[in-house]
C-alpha atoms as a PDB file:
ATOM      1  CA  MET A   1      53.259 230.916 301.859  1.00  0.00           C
ATOM      2  CA  ASP A   2      54.191 227.287 302.603  1.00  0.00           C
ATOM      3  CA  LEU A   3      51.510 227.193 305.286  1.00  0.00           C
ATOM      4  CA  LEU A   4      48.781 228.404 302.914  1.00  0.00           C
ATOM      5  CA  HIS A   5      49.957 225.950 300.252  1.00  0.00           C
ATOM      6  CA  TYR A   6      49.733 223.022 302.650  1.00  0.00           C
ATOM      7  CA  ILE A   7      46.356 224.088 304.013  1.00  0.00           C
ATOM      8  CA  ALA A   8      45.028 224.300 300.442  1.00  0.00           C
ATOM      9  CA  PHE A   9      46.597 221.139 298.993  1.00  0.00           C
ATOM     10  CA  PHE A  10      47.900 218.894 301.804  1.00  0.00           C
ATOM     11  CA  LEU A  11      45.466 219.475 304.655  1.00  0.00           C
ATOM     12  CA  SER A  12      46.175 215.987 305.997  1.00  0.00           C
ATOM     13  CA  ASP A  13      49.842 216.881 306.697  1.00  0.00           C
ATOM     14  CA  LEU A  14      49.129 218.091 310.206  1.00  0.00           C
ATOM     15  CA  LEU A  15      52.773 217.894 311.318  1.00  0.00           C
ATOM     16  CA  PHE A  16      53.915 220.349 308.638  1.00  0.00           C
ATOM     17  CA  ILE A  17      50.947 222.655 309.242  1.00  0.00           C
ATOM     18  CA  GLY A  18      51.458 222.517 313.015  1.00  0.00           C
ATOM     19  CA  HIS A  19      55.143 223.304 312.576  1.00  0.00           C
ATOM     20  CA  HIS A  20      54.338 226.417 310.555  1.00  0.00           C
ATOM     21  CA  LEU A  21      51.628 227.551 312.970  1.00  0.00           C
ATOM     22  CA  ALA A  22      54.071 227.180 315.873  1.00  0.00           C
ATOM     23  CA  MET A  23      56.715 229.184 314.035  1.00  0.00           C
ATOM     24  CA  LEU A  24      54.093 231.808 313.204  1.00  0.00           C
ATOM     25  CA  PHE A  25      53.535 232.155 316.961  1.00  0.00           C
ATOM     26  CA  VAL A  26      57.278 232.778 317.410  1.00  0.00           C
ATOM     27  CA  PHE A  27      57.397 235.448 314.703  1.00  0.00           C
ATOM     28  CA  VAL A  28      54.230 237.189 315.892  1.00  0.00           C
ATOM     29  CA  THR A  29      55.383 237.368 319.521  1.00  0.00           C
ATOM     30  CA  CYS A  30      58.838 238.530 318.390  1.00  0.00           C
ATOM     31  CA  ARG A  31      57.477 241.279 316.151  1.00  0.00           C
ATOM     32  CA  PHE A  32      54.322 242.457 317.876  1.00  0.00           C
ATOM     33  CA  LEU A  33      54.619 241.489 321.551  1.00  0.00           C
ATOM     34  CA  VAL A  34      58.218 242.108 322.621  1.00  0.00           C
ATOM     35  CA  HIS A  35      59.721 243.891 319.581  1.00  0.00           C
ATOM     36  CA  HIS A  36      63.022 242.051 320.177  1.00  0.00           C
ATOM     37  CA  GLY A  37      64.686 238.754 319.354  1.00  0.00           C
ATOM     38  CA  ALA A  38      64.557 239.029 315.585  1.00  0.00           C
ATOM     39  CA  CYS A  39      68.256 238.364 315.018  1.00  0.00           C
ATOM     40  CA  ALA A  40      68.179 234.830 316.414  1.00  0.00           C
ATOM     41  CA  ILE A  41      64.798 234.042 314.888  1.00  0.00           C
ATOM     42  CA  LEU A  42      65.767 235.383 311.465  1.00  0.00           C
ATOM     43  CA  ALA A  43      69.064 233.463 311.520  1.00  0.00           C
ATOM     44  CA  LEU A  44      67.062 230.280 311.991  1.00  0.00           C
ATOM     45  CA  LEU A  45      64.620 231.337 309.258  1.00  0.00           C
ATOM     46  CA  VAL A  46      67.421 231.990 306.756  1.00  0.00           C
ATOM     47  CA  LEU A  47      68.923 228.629 307.609  1.00  0.00           C
ATOM     48  CA  ALA A  48      65.596 226.854 307.156  1.00  0.00           C
ATOM     49  CA  LYS A  49      64.812 228.633 303.906  1.00  0.00           C
ATOM     50  CA  SER A  50      68.199 227.679 302.472  1.00  0.00           C
ATOM     51  CA  THR A  51      66.816 224.163 302.055  1.00  0.00           C
ATOM     52  CA  SER A  52      63.312 225.174 300.938  1.00  0.00           C
ATOM     53  CA  ALA A  53      63.812 225.103 297.173  1.00  0.00           C
ATOM     54  CA  CYS A  54      65.151 221.563 297.308  1.00  0.00           C
ATOM     55  CA  GLN A  55      62.486 220.540 299.814  1.00  0.00           C
ATOM     56  CA  ASN A  56      59.676 222.009 297.719  1.00  0.00           C
ATOM     57  CA  ALA A  57      60.866 220.269 294.540  1.00  0.00           C
ATOM     58  CA  TRP A  58      61.297 216.991 296.435  1.00  0.00           C
ATOM     59  CA  THR A  59      57.859 217.278 298.089  1.00  0.00           C
ATOM     60  CA  LEU A  60      56.084 218.038 294.809  1.00  0.00           C
ATOM     61  CA  ALA A  61      57.922 215.224 293.030  1.00  0.00           C
ATOM     62  CA  LYS A  62      56.998 212.852 295.846  1.00  0.00           C
ATOM     63  CA  ALA A  63      53.338 213.884 295.607  1.00  0.00           C
ATOM     64  CA  ARG A  64      53.198 213.233 291.837  1.00  0.00           C
ATOM     65  CA  ARG A  65      55.665 210.347 291.470  1.00  0.00           C
ATOM     66  CA  ASP A  66      52.967 207.694 291.074  1.00  0.00           C
ATOM     67  CA  ASP A  67      51.327 209.337 288.064  1.00  0.00           C
ATOM     68  CA  VAL A  68      54.107 211.388 286.388  1.00  0.00           C
ATOM     69  CA  ALA A  69      57.268 209.654 285.161  1.00  0.00           C
ATOM     70  CA  LEU A  70      59.347 212.832 285.364  1.00  0.00           C
ATOM     71  CA  ALA A  71      58.278 213.338 288.974  1.00  0.00           C
ATOM     72  CA  GLU A  72      59.480 209.818 289.800  1.00  0.00           C
ATOM     73  CA  LYS A  73      62.885 210.617 288.254  1.00  0.00           C
ATOM     74  CA  VAL A  74      63.156 213.965 290.043  1.00  0.00           C
ATOM     75  CA  TYR A  75      62.171 212.322 293.324  1.00  0.00           C
ATOM     76  CA  GLY A  76      64.804 209.626 292.839  1.00  0.00           C
ATOM     77  CA  LEU A  77      67.507 212.132 291.915  1.00  0.00           C
ATOM     78  CA  LEU A  78      66.723 214.523 294.764  1.00  0.00           C
ATOM     79  CA  SER A  79      66.094 212.106 297.638  1.00  0.00           C
ATOM     80  CA  ILE A  80      69.670 211.430 298.756  1.00  0.00           C
ATOM     81  CA  PRO A  81      70.993 214.987 298.186  1.00  0.00           C
ATOM     82  CA  PHE A  82      67.900 216.422 299.874  1.00  0.00           C
ATOM     83  CA  TYR A  83      68.237 214.204 302.945  1.00  0.00           C
ATOM     84  CA  ALA A  84      71.958 215.024 303.195  1.00  0.00           C
ATOM     85  CA  LEU A  85      71.468 218.782 302.791  1.00  0.00           C
ATOM     86  CA  TYR A  86      68.492 218.843 305.148  1.00  0.00           C
ATOM     87  CA  SER A  87      70.339 216.820 307.797  1.00  0.00           C
ATOM     88  CA  ILE A  88      73.437 219.012 307.695  1.00  0.00           C
ATOM     89  CA  VAL A  89      71.732 222.398 307.484  1.00  0.00           C
ATOM     90  CA  ARG A  90      68.769 221.891 309.749  1.00  0.00           C
ATOM     91  CA  GLY A  91      70.081 219.078 311.922  1.00  0.00           C
ATOM     92  CA  LEU A  92      73.650 220.150 312.629  1.00  0.00           C
ATOM     93  CA  VAL A  93      73.877 223.877 311.895  1.00  0.00           C
ATOM     94  CA  GLY A  94      70.327 224.535 313.109  1.00  0.00           C
ATOM     95  CA  SER A  95      70.946 222.655 316.339  1.00  0.00           C
ATOM     96  CA  TYR A  96      74.092 224.696 316.935  1.00  0.00           C
ATOM     97  CA  LEU A  97      72.199 227.969 316.418  1.00  0.00           C
ATOM     98  CA  VAL A  98      69.481 226.836 318.816  1.00  0.00           C
ATOM     99  CA  TYR A  99      72.162 225.914 321.366  1.00  0.00           C
ATOM    100  CA  GLU A 100      73.669 229.414 321.048  1.00  0.00           C
ATOM    101  CA  MET A 101      70.200 230.909 321.371  1.00  0.00           C
ATOM    102  CA  CYS A 102      69.610 228.921 324.576  1.00  0.00           C
ATOM    103  CA  VAL A 103      72.959 229.966 326.039  1.00  0.00           C
ATOM    104  CA  TYR A 104      72.236 233.630 325.318  1.00  0.00           C
ATOM    105  CA  TYR A 105      68.703 233.683 326.710  1.00  0.00           C
ATOM    106  CA  MET A 106      69.584 231.585 329.758  1.00  0.00           C
ATOM    107  CA  SER A 107      72.398 234.032 330.574  1.00  0.00           C
ATOM    108  CA  GLY A 108      69.707 236.564 331.450  1.00  0.00           C
ATOM    109  CA  GLU A 109      71.034 239.262 329.131  1.00  0.00           C
ATOM    110  CA  ALA A 110      67.675 239.617 327.392  1.00  0.00           C
ATOM    111  CA  ASN A 111      65.449 239.430 330.470  1.00  0.00           C
ATOM    112  CA  SER A 112      64.982 243.201 330.592  1.00  0.00           C
ATOM    113  CA  VAL A 113      63.400 243.267 327.103  1.00  0.00           C
ATOM    114  CA  ILE A 114      62.096 239.729 326.534  1.00  0.00           C
ATOM    115  CA  PRO A 115      60.105 238.087 329.343  1.00  0.00           C
ATOM    116  CA  ILE A 116      61.306 234.637 330.347  1.00  0.00           C
ATOM    117  CA  TRP A 117      58.026 232.994 329.319  1.00  0.00           C
ATOM    118  CA  VAL A 118      58.416 234.428 325.795  1.00  0.00           C
ATOM    119  CA  TRP A 119      61.976 233.278 325.100  1.00  0.00           C
ATOM    120  CA  LEU A 120      61.278 229.976 326.840  1.00  0.00           C
ATOM    121  CA  SER A 121      58.265 229.407 324.574  1.00  0.00           C
ATOM    122  CA  TRP A 122      60.453 230.267 321.560  1.00  0.00           C
ATOM    123  CA  ILE A 123      63.023 227.659 322.644  1.00  0.00           C
ATOM    124  CA  VAL A 124      60.322 225.023 323.152  1.00  0.00           C
ATOM    125  CA  VAL A 125      58.761 225.742 319.760  1.00  0.00           C
ATOM    126  CA  VAL A 126      62.074 225.853 317.883  1.00  0.00           C
ATOM    127  CA  VAL A 127      63.390 222.665 319.516  1.00  0.00           C
ATOM    128  CA  ALA A 128      60.088 220.893 318.808  1.00  0.00           C
ATOM    129  CA  THR A 129      60.069 222.018 315.184  1.00  0.00           C
ATOM    130  CA  ILE A 130      63.617 220.916 314.409  1.00  0.00           C
ATOM    131  CA  SER A 131      63.282 217.592 316.265  1.00  0.00           C
END
């Protein structure tokens, strides 16, 4: 839904759109190509979505802050808490989950059900999207 929203209203935000397209690739290959890997991918999704409500409010307030006084106040009130929450959840906890994901896939335990090129592409996409 975020992807469609950005395509409709913020088409110039290519980084955000690219991020969501890359993650769509991960989910599609997980679900329809290899039928495995959902646990790690969904753990990262739950983690990312735990900050979405705050991020969505902050993004909308930022977009309207120049012409709506309430949006300016909301943006000001949410900026520091949003940056702190986002940094902790996605930066620290997310990085730890990606590290655990790398350790697991590099151990070779999943090689019989997930081809190396698939899990390697997932790692590249996930690392790129949280960087």
